[in-house]
Amino acid sequence: MTSKFLTLTLAVALILLIPIVAPAQSEPRGYTCHDCPYYKGEFSITNNTSVTIRYSYRWGTKSTWETSSLRPGVTDTHSYPLGYKPNNTAPPPYISIDRIAGDNYSTNRTIAIDFYAVRYGGYGPPRPNRTAPKRYEFRITGRVLKVYEM
């Protein structure tokens, strides 16, 4: 009886000591990348006039218009998150301005503009090599407010 008990005890001990192997995972594991660069689609507007300019902007045709005022000599930057890939797409930005200054009428003009994918953080050289937004400026010619690419 003792040899059967000893054999059974030894068998149970061996079973408990054998490592349990987890089945292979059929789905890829997720990961986080604290060292990866993060990208934003960005454009900036500089007011190169002598008056404060009120304008509106939005990303794409379905988002709501955001209103902003820009004092003379000041630059405003607007961004849209692109995530960890610089080639991710973003809705195209639009700005809306009152193109005739001082006429007491709202003569709005909507302009489609572009942006650059700007890199934040990460190691190594930026790809694409953009560390600044796509730049635009307001200028007044006569009484007409225009947007110029810089």
Protein backbone atom coordinates (compact mmCIF):
# COMPACT_ATOMS: atom_id res chain seq x y z
CA MET A 1 0.00 0.00 0.00
CA THR A 2 2.81 2.37 0.72
CA SER A 3 4.43 1.84 -2.68
CA LYS A 4 1.13 2.66 -4.43
CA PHE A 5 0.72 5.74 -2.24
CA LEU A 6 4.31 6.79 -2.90
CA THR A 7 3.91 6.30 -6.67
CA LEU A 8 0.66 8.29 -6.69
CA THR A 9 2.23 11.10 -4.64
CA LEU A 10 5.23 11.22 -6.98
CA ALA A 11 2.98 11.33 -10.05
CA VAL A 12 0.93 14.23 -8.59
CA ALA A 13 4.12 16.10 -7.68
CA LEU A 14 5.48 15.72 -11.23
CA ILE A 15 2.22 16.94 -12.71
CA LEU A 16 2.31 20.01 -10.47
CA LEU A 17 5.94 20.76 -11.36
CA ILE A 18 5.47 20.58 -15.15
CA PRO A 19 5.07 24.14 -16.47
CA ILE A 20 1.76 24.84 -18.07
CA VAL A 21 2.24 26.04 -21.65
CA ALA A 22 -0.21 28.69 -22.79
CA PRO A 23 -1.77 28.09 -26.19
CA ALA A 24 -0.39 30.19 -29.04
CA GLN A 25 -2.24 33.46 -29.51
CA SER A 26 -4.15 33.70 -32.74
CA GLU A 27 -4.45 37.51 -32.65
CA PRO A 28 -1.52 39.95 -32.74
CA ARG A 29 -0.73 41.72 -29.53
CA GLY A 30 -1.22 45.46 -29.21
CA TYR A 31 1.64 47.73 -28.27
CA THR A 32 2.28 51.25 -27.12
CA CYS A 33 5.07 53.35 -28.42
CA HIS A 34 6.23 56.01 -26.00
CA ASP A 35 9.27 56.77 -28.17
CA CYS A 36 7.44 57.02 -31.50
CA PRO A 37 6.89 60.44 -33.08
CA TYR A 38 3.40 61.91 -33.11
CA TYR A 39 2.10 63.97 -36.02
CA LYS A 40 -0.37 66.82 -36.39
CA GLY A 41 -1.66 68.43 -39.56
CA GLU A 42 -0.95 72.14 -39.06
CA PHE A 43 -1.28 75.48 -40.77
CA SER A 44 -0.59 78.98 -39.45
CA ILE A 45 -1.87 82.42 -40.37
CA THR A 46 0.02 85.66 -39.72
CA ASN A 47 -1.75 89.02 -39.70
CA ASN A 48 0.47 91.35 -41.77
CA THR A 49 -2.05 94.19 -41.71
CA SER A 50 -2.55 97.14 -39.38
CA VAL A 51 -6.03 96.02 -38.19
CA THR A 52 -7.43 93.08 -36.24
CA ILE A 53 -8.77 90.39 -38.59
CA ARG A 54 -11.73 88.19 -37.64
CA TYR A 55 -11.84 84.92 -39.51
CA SER A 56 -13.32 81.44 -39.22
CA TYR A 57 -11.70 78.08 -39.92
CA ARG A 58 -12.67 74.44 -39.97
CA TRP A 59 -11.25 71.06 -40.91
CA GLY A 60 -13.32 69.48 -43.68
CA THR A 61 -16.83 70.38 -44.78
CA LYS A 62 -18.69 68.63 -41.94
CA SER A 63 -17.07 70.18 -38.86
CA THR A 64 -18.32 73.38 -37.27
CA TRP A 65 -16.71 76.73 -37.98
CA GLU A 66 -14.42 78.07 -35.25
CA THR A 67 -14.09 81.86 -35.03
CA SER A 68 -10.84 83.62 -34.23
CA SER A 69 -9.51 87.19 -34.04
CA LEU A 70 -5.96 87.96 -35.02
CA ARG A 71 -4.24 91.19 -33.94
CA PRO A 72 -1.70 92.87 -36.23
CA GLY A 73 1.65 91.08 -36.32
CA VAL A 74 0.34 87.96 -34.53
CA THR A 75 0.45 84.38 -35.86
CA ASP A 76 -2.20 81.77 -35.06
CA THR A 77 -1.58 78.03 -35.58
CA HIS A 78 -4.34 75.45 -36.04
CA SER A 79 -3.87 71.68 -35.93
CA TYR A 80 -5.59 68.34 -36.54
CA PRO A 81 -4.28 65.10 -34.97
CA LEU A 82 -2.75 62.60 -37.43
CA GLY A 83 -1.48 60.04 -34.91
CA TYR A 84 1.73 58.07 -35.32
CA LYS A 85 1.81 58.05 -39.14
CA PRO A 86 2.66 61.21 -41.09
CA ASN A 87 0.76 59.92 -44.13
CA ASN A 88 -2.56 59.69 -42.28
CA THR A 89 -5.19 61.83 -43.91
CA ALA A 90 -7.03 64.75 -42.41
CA PRO A 91 -10.00 66.70 -43.72
CA PRO A 92 -8.79 69.68 -45.76
CA PRO A 93 -8.80 72.98 -43.84
CA TYR A 94 -10.88 75.97 -44.91
CA ILE A 95 -10.83 79.58 -43.78
CA SER A 96 -13.59 82.13 -44.22
CA ILE A 97 -12.88 85.88 -44.31
CA ASP A 98 -14.80 89.10 -44.96
CA ARG A 99 -12.88 90.00 -48.09
CA ILE A 100 -13.90 93.68 -48.37
CA ALA A 101 -12.64 95.73 -45.42
CA GLY A 102 -14.72 98.57 -44.00
CA ASP A 103 -17.81 98.21 -46.23
CA ASN A 104 -20.19 97.36 -43.32
CA TYR A 105 -21.38 94.30 -45.24
CA SER A 106 -20.50 90.67 -44.81
CA THR A 107 -18.82 89.67 -48.05
CA ASN A 108 -17.49 86.32 -46.91
CA ARG A 109 -15.15 84.28 -49.02
CA THR A 110 -14.26 80.68 -48.18
CA ILE A 111 -10.79 79.50 -49.16
CA ALA A 112 -9.49 75.92 -49.22
CA ILE A 113 -5.93 75.80 -47.93
CA ASP A 114 -3.34 73.11 -47.25
CA PHE A 115 -1.37 71.88 -44.22
CA TYR A 116 1.87 70.10 -43.36
CA ALA A 117 2.26 66.98 -41.22
CA VAL A 118 4.36 68.30 -38.32
CA ARG A 119 6.32 65.88 -36.17
CA TYR A 120 6.40 65.98 -32.36
CA GLY A 121 8.71 63.83 -30.24
CA GLY A 122 10.34 60.54 -31.19
CA TYR A 123 13.93 59.69 -32.04
CA GLY A 124 15.84 60.14 -35.27
CA PRO A 125 15.45 62.58 -38.14
CA PRO A 126 11.90 63.78 -38.84
CA ARG A 127 10.17 62.08 -41.77
CA PRO A 128 8.82 64.02 -43.48
CA ASN A 129 11.22 66.77 -42.49
CA ARG A 130 8.59 69.16 -41.19
CA THR A 131 8.94 70.93 -37.89
CA ALA A 132 6.77 73.93 -38.81
CA PRO A 133 3.21 74.33 -40.09
CA LYS A 134 2.20 75.38 -43.60
CA ARG A 135 2.32 79.18 -43.42
CA TYR A 136 -0.18 81.73 -44.70
CA GLU A 137 -0.61 85.46 -44.14
CA PHE A 138 -3.34 88.09 -44.36
CA ARG A 139 -2.63 91.18 -46.47
CA ILE A 140 -4.87 94.07 -47.46
CA THR A 141 -4.55 95.53 -50.95
CA GLY A 142 -6.71 98.65 -51.22
CA ARG A 143 -9.75 97.42 -49.26
CA VAL A 144 -9.52 93.77 -50.30
CA LEU A 145 -8.35 91.25 -47.69
CA LYS A 146 -6.41 88.37 -49.23
CA VAL A 147 -4.71 85.22 -47.99
CA TYR A 148 -1.23 84.47 -49.30
CA GLU A 149 0.86 81.35 -48.99
CA MET A 150 4.27 82.10 -47.49
